PDB file of N, CA and C in Angstrom:
ATOM      1  N   MET A   1      -1.021  15.463  -5.626  1.00  0.00           N
ATOM      2  CA  MET A   1      -1.441  14.847  -4.377  1.00  0.00           C
ATOM      3  C   MET A   1      -0.275  14.933  -3.388  1.00  0.00           C
ATOM      4  N   THR A   2      -0.578  15.368  -2.178  1.00  0.00           N
ATOM      5  CA  THR A   2       0.477  15.506  -1.171  1.00  0.00           C
ATOM      6  C   THR A   2       0.778  14.161  -0.520  1.00  0.00           C
ATOM      7  N   LYS A   3       1.910  14.111   0.158  1.00  0.00           N
ATOM      8  CA  LYS A   3       2.305  12.889   0.878  1.00  0.00           C
ATOM      9  C   LYS A   3       1.226  12.509   1.898  1.00  0.00           C
ATOM     10  N   GLN A   4       0.692  13.500   2.604  1.00  0.00           N
ATOM     11  CA  GLN A   4      -0.344  13.230   3.616  1.00  0.00           C
ATOM     12  C   GLN A   4      -1.607  12.661   2.979  1.00  0.00           C
ATOM     13  N   GLU A   5      -1.963  13.142   1.792  1.00  0.00           N
ATOM     14  CA  GLU A   5      -3.142  12.617   1.093  1.00  0.00           C
ATOM     15  C   GLU A   5      -2.905  11.175   0.657  1.00  0.00           C
ATOM     16  N   ILE A   6      -1.687  10.876   0.208  1.00  0.00           N
ATOM     17  CA  ILE A   6      -1.330   9.503  -0.175  1.00  0.00           C
ATOM     18  C   ILE A   6      -1.440   8.583   1.032  1.00  0.00           C
ATOM     19  N   ILE A   7      -0.858   9.001   2.152  1.00  0.00           N
ATOM     20  CA  ILE A   7      -0.890   8.193   3.380  1.00  0.00           C
ATOM     21  C   ILE A   7      -2.334   7.945   3.813  1.00  0.00           C
ATOM     22  N   ALA A   8      -3.147   8.983   3.814  1.00  0.00           N
ATOM     23  CA  ALA A   8      -4.544   8.840   4.229  1.00  0.00           C
ATOM     24  C   ALA A   8      -5.304   7.885   3.314  1.00  0.00           C
ATOM     25  N   LYS A   9      -5.088   8.015   1.998  1.00  0.00           N
ATOM     26  CA  LYS A   9      -5.796   7.166   1.035  1.00  0.00           C
ATOM     27  C   LYS A   9      -5.349   5.708   1.159  1.00  0.00           C
ATOM     28  N   VAL A  10      -4.039   5.471   1.268  1.00  0.00           N
ATOM     29  CA  VAL A  10      -3.516   4.108   1.409  1.00  0.00           C
ATOM     30  C   VAL A  10      -4.041   3.478   2.702  1.00  0.00           C
ATOM     31  N   ASN A  11      -3.956   4.216   3.805  1.00  0.00           N
ATOM     32  CA  ASN A  11      -4.423   3.670   5.081  1.00  0.00           C
ATOM     33  C   ASN A  11      -5.905   3.337   5.026  1.00  0.00           C
ATOM     34  N   ASN A  12      -6.692   4.212   4.404  1.00  0.00           N
ATOM     35  CA  ASN A  12      -8.122   3.965   4.279  1.00  0.00           C
ATOM     36  C   ASN A  12      -8.391   2.703   3.457  1.00  0.00           C
ATOM     37  N   LEU A  13      -7.643   2.521   2.361  1.00  0.00           N
ATOM     38  CA  LEU A  13      -7.810   1.322   1.535  1.00  0.00           C
ATOM     39  C   LEU A  13      -7.486   0.056   2.334  1.00  0.00           C
ATOM     40  N   LEU A  14      -6.414   0.111   3.115  1.00  0.00           N
ATOM     41  CA  LEU A  14      -6.018  -1.063   3.891  1.00  0.00           C
ATOM     42  C   LEU A  14      -7.057  -1.405   4.959  1.00  0.00           C
ATOM     43  N   VAL A  15      -7.631  -0.390   5.573  1.00  0.00           N
ATOM     44  CA  VAL A  15      -8.669  -0.618   6.586  1.00  0.00           C
ATOM     45  C   VAL A  15      -9.940  -1.140   5.927  1.00  0.00           C
ATOM     46  N   GLU A  16     -10.367  -0.485   4.851  1.00  0.00           N
ATOM     47  CA  GLU A  16     -11.634  -0.844   4.203  1.00  0.00           C
ATOM     48  C   GLU A  16     -11.574  -2.165   3.427  1.00  0.00           C
ATOM     49  N   GLU A  17     -10.527  -2.351   2.630  1.00  0.00           N
ATOM     50  CA  GLU A  17     -10.451  -3.504   1.730  1.00  0.00           C
ATOM     51  C   GLU A  17      -9.866  -4.758   2.380  1.00  0.00           C
ATOM     52  N   PHE A  18      -8.957  -4.563   3.331  1.00  0.00           N
ATOM     53  CA  PHE A  18      -8.272  -5.713   3.921  1.00  0.00           C
ATOM     54  C   PHE A  18      -8.573  -5.884   5.410  1.00  0.00           C
ATOM     55  N   GLU A  19      -9.431  -5.023   5.941  1.00  0.00           N
ATOM     56  CA  GLU A  19      -9.864  -5.092   7.334  1.00  0.00           C
ATOM     57  C   GLU A  19      -8.688  -5.126   8.310  1.00  0.00           C
ATOM     58  N   ILE A  20      -7.702  -4.273   8.047  1.00  0.00           N
ATOM     59  CA  ILE A  20      -6.537  -4.154   8.919  1.00  0.00           C
ATOM     60  C   ILE A  20      -6.834  -3.101   9.978  1.00  0.00           C
ATOM     61  N   GLU A  21      -6.491  -3.418  11.224  1.00  0.00           N
ATOM     62  CA  GLU A  21      -6.690  -2.471  12.317  1.00  0.00           C
ATOM     63  C   GLU A  21      -5.892  -1.201  12.054  1.00  0.00           C
ATOM     64  N   GLU A  22      -6.534  -0.060  12.180  1.00  0.00           N
ATOM     65  CA  GLU A  22      -5.872   1.217  11.917  1.00  0.00           C
ATOM     66  C   GLU A  22      -4.666   1.433  12.828  1.00  0.00           C
ATOM     67  N   SER A  23      -4.717   0.907  14.039  1.00  0.00           N
ATOM     68  CA  SER A  23      -3.603   1.071  14.984  1.00  0.00           C
ATOM     69  C   SER A  23      -2.323   0.379  14.510  1.00  0.00           C
ATOM     70  N   LEU A  24      -2.439  -0.583  13.584  1.00  0.00           N
ATOM     71  CA  LEU A  24      -1.272  -1.290  13.054  1.00  0.00           C
ATOM     72  C   LEU A  24      -0.583  -0.526  11.922  1.00  0.00           C
ATOM     73  N   LEU A  25      -1.234   0.508  11.415  1.00  0.00           N
ATOM     74  CA  LEU A  25      -0.737   1.223  10.238  1.00  0.00           C
ATOM     75  C   LEU A  25       0.289   2.288  10.624  1.00  0.00           C
ATOM     76  N   THR A  26       1.495   1.826  10.895  1.00  0.00           N
ATOM     77  CA  THR A  26       2.615   2.710  11.197  1.00  0.00           C
ATOM     78  C   THR A  26       3.615   2.622  10.048  1.00  0.00           C
ATOM     79  N   PRO A  27       4.379   3.688   9.790  1.00  0.00           N
ATOM     80  CA  PRO A  27       5.301   3.673   8.654  1.00  0.00           C
ATOM     81  C   PRO A  27       6.281   2.501   8.638  1.00  0.00           C
ATOM     82  N   ASP A  28       6.701   2.032   9.809  1.00  0.00           N
ATOM     83  CA  ASP A  28       7.682   0.942   9.857  1.00  0.00           C
ATOM     84  C   ASP A  28       7.040  -0.447   9.881  1.00  0.00           C
ATOM     85  N   ALA A  29       5.707  -0.521   9.754  1.00  0.00           N
ATOM     86  CA  ALA A  29       5.020  -1.817   9.764  1.00  0.00           C
ATOM     87  C   ALA A  29       5.387  -2.613   8.510  1.00  0.00           C
ATOM     88  N   SER A  30       5.755  -3.869   8.726  1.00  0.00           N
ATOM     89  CA  SER A  30       6.054  -4.770   7.611  1.00  0.00           C
ATOM     90  C   SER A  30       4.736  -5.205   6.968  1.00  0.00           C
ATOM     91  N   LEU A  31       4.671  -5.093   5.638  1.00  0.00           N
ATOM     92  CA  LEU A  31       3.437  -5.477   4.953  1.00  0.00           C
ATOM     93  C   LEU A  31       3.117  -6.948   5.159  1.00  0.00           C
ATOM     94  N   LYS A  32       4.136  -7.779   5.118  1.00  0.00           N
ATOM     95  CA  LYS A  32       3.904  -9.219   5.218  1.00  0.00           C
ATOM     96  C   LYS A  32       3.731  -9.688   6.662  1.00  0.00           C
ATOM     97  N   SER A  33       4.680  -9.388   7.530  1.00  0.00           N
ATOM     98  CA  SER A  33       4.611  -9.947   8.876  1.00  0.00           C
ATOM     99  C   SER A  33       3.690  -9.170   9.815  1.00  0.00           C
ATOM    100  N   ASP A  34       3.703  -7.840   9.758  1.00  0.00           N
ATOM    101  CA  ASP A  34       2.863  -7.064  10.672  1.00  0.00           C
ATOM    102  C   ASP A  34       1.425  -6.924  10.184  1.00  0.00           C
ATOM    103  N   LEU A  35       1.264  -6.675   8.889  1.00  0.00           N
ATOM    104  CA  LEU A  35      -0.077  -6.446   8.337  1.00  0.00           C
ATOM    105  C   LEU A  35      -0.673  -7.688   7.693  1.00  0.00           C
ATOM    106  N   GLU A  36       0.128  -8.754   7.600  1.00  0.00           N
ATOM    107  CA  GLU A  36      -0.308 -10.047   7.077  1.00  0.00           C
ATOM    108  C   GLU A  36      -0.874  -9.958   5.660  1.00  0.00           C
ATOM    109  N   ILE A  37      -0.222  -9.151   4.822  1.00  0.00           N
ATOM    110  CA  ILE A  37      -0.593  -9.055   3.417  1.00  0.00           C
ATOM    111  C   ILE A  37       0.176 -10.129   2.663  1.00  0.00           C
ATOM    112  N   ASP A  38      -0.550 -11.027   2.006  1.00  0.00           N
ATOM    113  CA  ASP A  38       0.102 -12.133   1.301  1.00  0.00           C
ATOM    114  C   ASP A  38       0.131 -11.872  -0.207  1.00  0.00           C
ATOM    115  N   SER A  39       0.646 -12.832  -0.946  1.00  0.00           N
ATOM    116  CA  SER A  39       0.815 -12.641  -2.393  1.00  0.00           C
ATOM    117  C   SER A  39      -0.515 -12.438  -3.109  1.00  0.00           C
ATOM    118  N   LEU A  40      -1.575 -13.089  -2.655  1.00  0.00           N
ATOM    119  CA  LEU A  40      -2.890 -12.880  -3.266  1.00  0.00           C
ATOM    120  C   LEU A  40      -3.399 -11.468  -3.000  1.00  0.00           C
ATOM    121  N   ASP A  41      -3.113 -10.951  -1.801  1.00  0.00           N
ATOM    122  CA  ASP A  41      -3.507  -9.582  -1.484  1.00  0.00           C
ATOM    123  C   ASP A  41      -2.793  -8.580  -2.387  1.00  0.00           C
ATOM    124  N   PHE A  42      -1.536  -8.887  -2.757  1.00  0.00           N
ATOM    125  CA  PHE A  42      -0.794  -7.980  -3.622  1.00  0.00           C
ATOM    126  C   PHE A  42      -1.450  -7.858  -5.002  1.00  0.00           C
ATOM    127  N   VAL A  43      -2.121  -8.913  -5.447  1.00  0.00           N
ATOM    128  CA  VAL A  43      -2.862  -8.844  -6.713  1.00  0.00           C
ATOM    129  C   VAL A  43      -3.983  -7.816  -6.568  1.00  0.00           C
ATOM    130  N   ASP A  44      -4.688  -7.865  -5.458  1.00  0.00           N
ATOM    131  CA  ASP A  44      -5.753  -6.895  -5.197  1.00  0.00           C
ATOM    132  C   ASP A  44      -5.181  -5.483  -5.060  1.00  0.00           C
ATOM    133  N   ILE A  45      -4.016  -5.372  -4.433  1.00  0.00           N
ATOM    134  CA  ILE A  45      -3.382  -4.066  -4.253  1.00  0.00           C
ATOM    135  C   ILE A  45      -3.059  -3.431  -5.606  1.00  0.00           C
ATOM    136  N   VAL A  46      -2.586  -4.232  -6.552  1.00  0.00           N
ATOM    137  CA  VAL A  46      -2.289  -3.711  -7.894  1.00  0.00           C
ATOM    138  C   VAL A  46      -3.556  -3.104  -8.510  1.00  0.00           C
ATOM    139  N   VAL A  47      -4.671  -3.797  -8.390  1.00  0.00           N
ATOM    140  CA  VAL A  47      -5.944  -3.304  -8.933  1.00  0.00           C
ATOM    141  C   VAL A  47      -6.366  -2.020  -8.211  1.00  0.00           C
ATOM    142  N   LEU A  48      -6.212  -1.999  -6.906  1.00  0.00           N
ATOM    143  CA  LEU A  48      -6.597  -0.816  -6.130  1.00  0.00           C
ATOM    144  C   LEU A  48      -5.723   0.395  -6.461  1.00  0.00           C
ATOM    145  N   ILE A  49      -4.432   0.177  -6.633  1.00  0.00           N
ATOM    146  CA  ILE A  49      -3.537   1.284  -6.994  1.00  0.00           C
ATOM    147  C   ILE A  49      -3.935   1.844  -8.351  1.00  0.00           C
ATOM    148  N   ASP A  50      -4.212   0.954  -9.285  1.00  0.00           N
ATOM    149  CA  ASP A  50      -4.633   1.390 -10.616  1.00  0.00           C
ATOM    150  C   ASP A  50      -5.914   2.221 -10.521  1.00  0.00           C
ATOM    151  N   ARG A  51      -6.870   1.754  -9.763  1.00  0.00           N
ATOM    152  CA  ARG A  51      -8.156   2.439  -9.635  1.00  0.00           C
ATOM    153  C   ARG A  51      -8.025   3.768  -8.881  1.00  0.00           C
ATOM    154  N   GLU A  52      -7.290   3.757  -7.776  1.00  0.00           N
ATOM    155  CA  GLU A  52      -7.235   4.934  -6.908  1.00  0.00           C
ATOM    156  C   GLU A  52      -6.187   5.973  -7.317  1.00  0.00           C
ATOM    157  N   PHE A  53      -5.082   5.500  -7.882  1.00  0.00           N
ATOM    158  CA  PHE A  53      -3.983   6.418  -8.171  1.00  0.00           C
ATOM    159  C   PHE A  53      -3.679   6.551  -9.665  1.00  0.00           C
ATOM    160  N   GLY A  54      -4.308   5.724 -10.513  1.00  0.00           N
ATOM    161  CA  GLY A  54      -4.211   5.894 -11.944  1.00  0.00           C
ATOM    162  C   GLY A  54      -2.957   5.345 -12.608  1.00  0.00           C
ATOM    163  N   PHE A  55      -2.275   4.423 -11.965  1.00  0.00           N
ATOM    164  CA  PHE A  55      -1.153   3.746 -12.627  1.00  0.00           C
ATOM    165  C   PHE A  55      -1.121   2.296 -12.177  1.00  0.00           C
ATOM    166  N   LYS A  56      -0.583   1.446 -13.054  1.00  0.00           N
ATOM    167  CA  LYS A  56      -0.518   0.019 -12.753  1.00  0.00           C
ATOM    168  C   LYS A  56       0.911  -0.336 -12.351  1.00  0.00           C
ATOM    169  N   PRO A  57       1.106  -0.715 -11.074  1.00  0.00           N
ATOM    170  CA  PRO A  57       2.456  -1.063 -10.623  1.00  0.00           C
ATOM    171  C   PRO A  57       2.939  -2.366 -11.253  1.00  0.00           C
ATOM    172  N   LYS A  58       4.231  -2.456 -11.430  1.00  0.00           N
ATOM    173  CA  LYS A  58       4.847  -3.677 -11.943  1.00  0.00           C
ATOM    174  C   LYS A  58       5.180  -4.603 -10.772  1.00  0.00           C
ATOM    175  N   ALA A  59       4.907  -5.882 -10.950  1.00  0.00           N
ATOM    176  CA  ALA A  59       5.118  -6.856  -9.885  1.00  0.00           C
ATOM    177  C   ALA A  59       6.558  -6.849  -9.384  1.00  0.00           C
ATOM    178  N   GLU A  60       7.520  -6.735 -10.314  1.00  0.00           N
ATOM    179  CA  GLU A  60       8.922  -6.761  -9.892  1.00  0.00           C
ATOM    180  C   GLU A  60       9.281  -5.536  -9.059  1.00  0.00           C
ATOM    181  N   GLU A  61       8.618  -4.408  -9.308  1.00  0.00           N
ATOM    182  CA  GLU A  61       8.864  -3.209  -8.498  1.00  0.00           C
ATOM    183  C   GLU A  61       8.276  -3.365  -7.100  1.00  0.00           C
ATOM    184  N   LEU A  62       7.123  -4.003  -7.003  1.00  0.00           N
ATOM    185  CA  LEU A  62       6.490  -4.178  -5.696  1.00  0.00           C
ATOM    186  C   LEU A  62       7.284  -5.112  -4.790  1.00  0.00           C
ATOM    187  N   LYS A  63       8.154  -5.928  -5.357  1.00  0.00           N
ATOM    188  CA  LYS A  63       8.975  -6.828  -4.536  1.00  0.00           C
ATOM    189  C   LYS A  63       9.904  -6.058  -3.612  1.00  0.00           C
ATOM    190  N   THR A  64      10.224  -4.815  -3.964  1.00  0.00           N
ATOM    191  CA  THR A  64      11.108  -4.002  -3.123  1.00  0.00           C
ATOM    192  C   THR A  64      10.351  -3.293  -2.007  1.00  0.00           C
ATOM    193  N   VAL A  65       9.032  -3.330  -2.055  1.00  0.00           N
ATOM    194  CA  VAL A  65       8.203  -2.661  -1.049  1.00  0.00           C
ATOM    195  C   VAL A  65       8.018  -3.606   0.139  1.00  0.00           C
ATOM    196  N   LYS A  66       8.690  -3.276   1.226  1.00  0.00           N
ATOM    197  CA  LYS A  66       8.655  -4.145   2.412  1.00  0.00           C
ATOM    198  C   LYS A  66       7.824  -3.568   3.556  1.00  0.00           C
ATOM    199  N   THR A  67       7.898  -2.238   3.728  1.00  0.00           N
ATOM    200  CA  THR A  67       7.188  -1.585   4.835  1.00  0.00           C
ATOM    201  C   THR A  67       6.109  -0.664   4.293  1.00  0.00           C
ATOM    202  N   LEU A  68       5.277  -0.207   5.173  1.00  0.00           N
ATOM    203  CA  LEU A  68       4.237   0.726   4.780  1.00  0.00           C
ATOM    204  C   LEU A  68       4.857   2.027   4.266  1.00  0.00           C
ATOM    205  N   GLN A  69       5.969   2.465   4.859  1.00  0.00           N
ATOM    206  CA  GLN A  69       6.658   3.658   4.369  1.00  0.00           C
ATOM    207  C   GLN A  69       7.154   3.450   2.941  1.00  0.00           C
ATOM    208  N   ASP A  70       7.693   2.263   2.657  1.00  0.00           N
ATOM    209  CA  ASP A  70       8.115   1.942   1.282  1.00  0.00           C
ATOM    210  C   ASP A  70       6.931   2.062   0.322  1.00  0.00           C
ATOM    211  N   PHE A  71       5.777   1.614   0.780  1.00  0.00           N
ATOM    212  CA  PHE A  71       4.569   1.647  -0.041  1.00  0.00           C
ATOM    213  C   PHE A  71       4.156   3.083  -0.342  1.00  0.00           C
ATOM    214  N   TYR A  72       4.140   3.930   0.697  1.00  0.00           N
ATOM    215  CA  TYR A  72       3.826   5.352   0.501  1.00  0.00           C
ATOM    216  C   TYR A  72       4.809   5.971  -0.496  1.00  0.00           C
ATOM    217  N   ASP A  73       6.093   5.709  -0.286  1.00  0.00           N
ATOM    218  CA  ASP A  73       7.144   6.291  -1.138  1.00  0.00           C
ATOM    219  C   ASP A  73       7.005   5.805  -2.582  1.00  0.00           C
ATOM    220  N   TYR A  74       6.691   4.536  -2.752  1.00  0.00           N
ATOM    221  CA  TYR A  74       6.527   3.970  -4.096  1.00  0.00           C
ATOM    222  C   TYR A  74       5.410   4.694  -4.843  1.00  0.00           C
ATOM    223  N   ILE A  75       4.275   4.855  -4.191  1.00  0.00           N
ATOM    224  CA  ILE A  75       3.146   5.525  -4.837  1.00  0.00           C
ATOM    225  C   ILE A  75       3.503   6.977  -5.140  1.00  0.00           C
ATOM    226  N   GLU A  76       4.104   7.661  -4.188  1.00  0.00           N
ATOM    227  CA  GLU A  76       4.481   9.067  -4.408  1.00  0.00           C
ATOM    228  C   GLU A  76       5.419   9.211  -5.596  1.00  0.00           C
ATOM    229  N   ALA A  77       6.365   8.299  -5.731  1.00  0.00           N
ATOM    230  CA  ALA A  77       7.347   8.368  -6.826  1.00  0.00           C
ATOM    231  C   ALA A  77       6.715   8.129  -8.195  1.00  0.00           C
ATOM    232  N   HIS A  78       5.569   7.457  -8.242  1.00  0.00           N
ATOM    233  CA  HIS A  78       4.938   7.117  -9.521  1.00  0.00           C
ATOM    234  C   HIS A  78       3.776   8.033  -9.901  1.00  0.00           C
ATOM    235  N   LEU A  79       3.485   8.993  -9.047  1.00  0.00           N
ATOM    236  CA  LEU A  79       2.396   9.928  -9.372  1.00  0.00           C
ATOM    237  C   LEU A  79       2.910  11.103 -10.176  1.00  0.00           C
TER     238      LEU A  79
END
């Protein structure tokens, strides 16, 4: 899967599952403050990553993911 495919899939999940405005999905967007993703949402994100990308992220690893770019990079590194 290419980086562009990862970005497209992640952005689509955020729009569809969390009803985030597509215009907010920039690489430097903060997951917590800009996109308003809270700790309960991260539980859903773990399930979605497992379903869509085929691996289950570890909670302690996700703590280092602060921006949308970090999120893209994290998924790319684990594929």
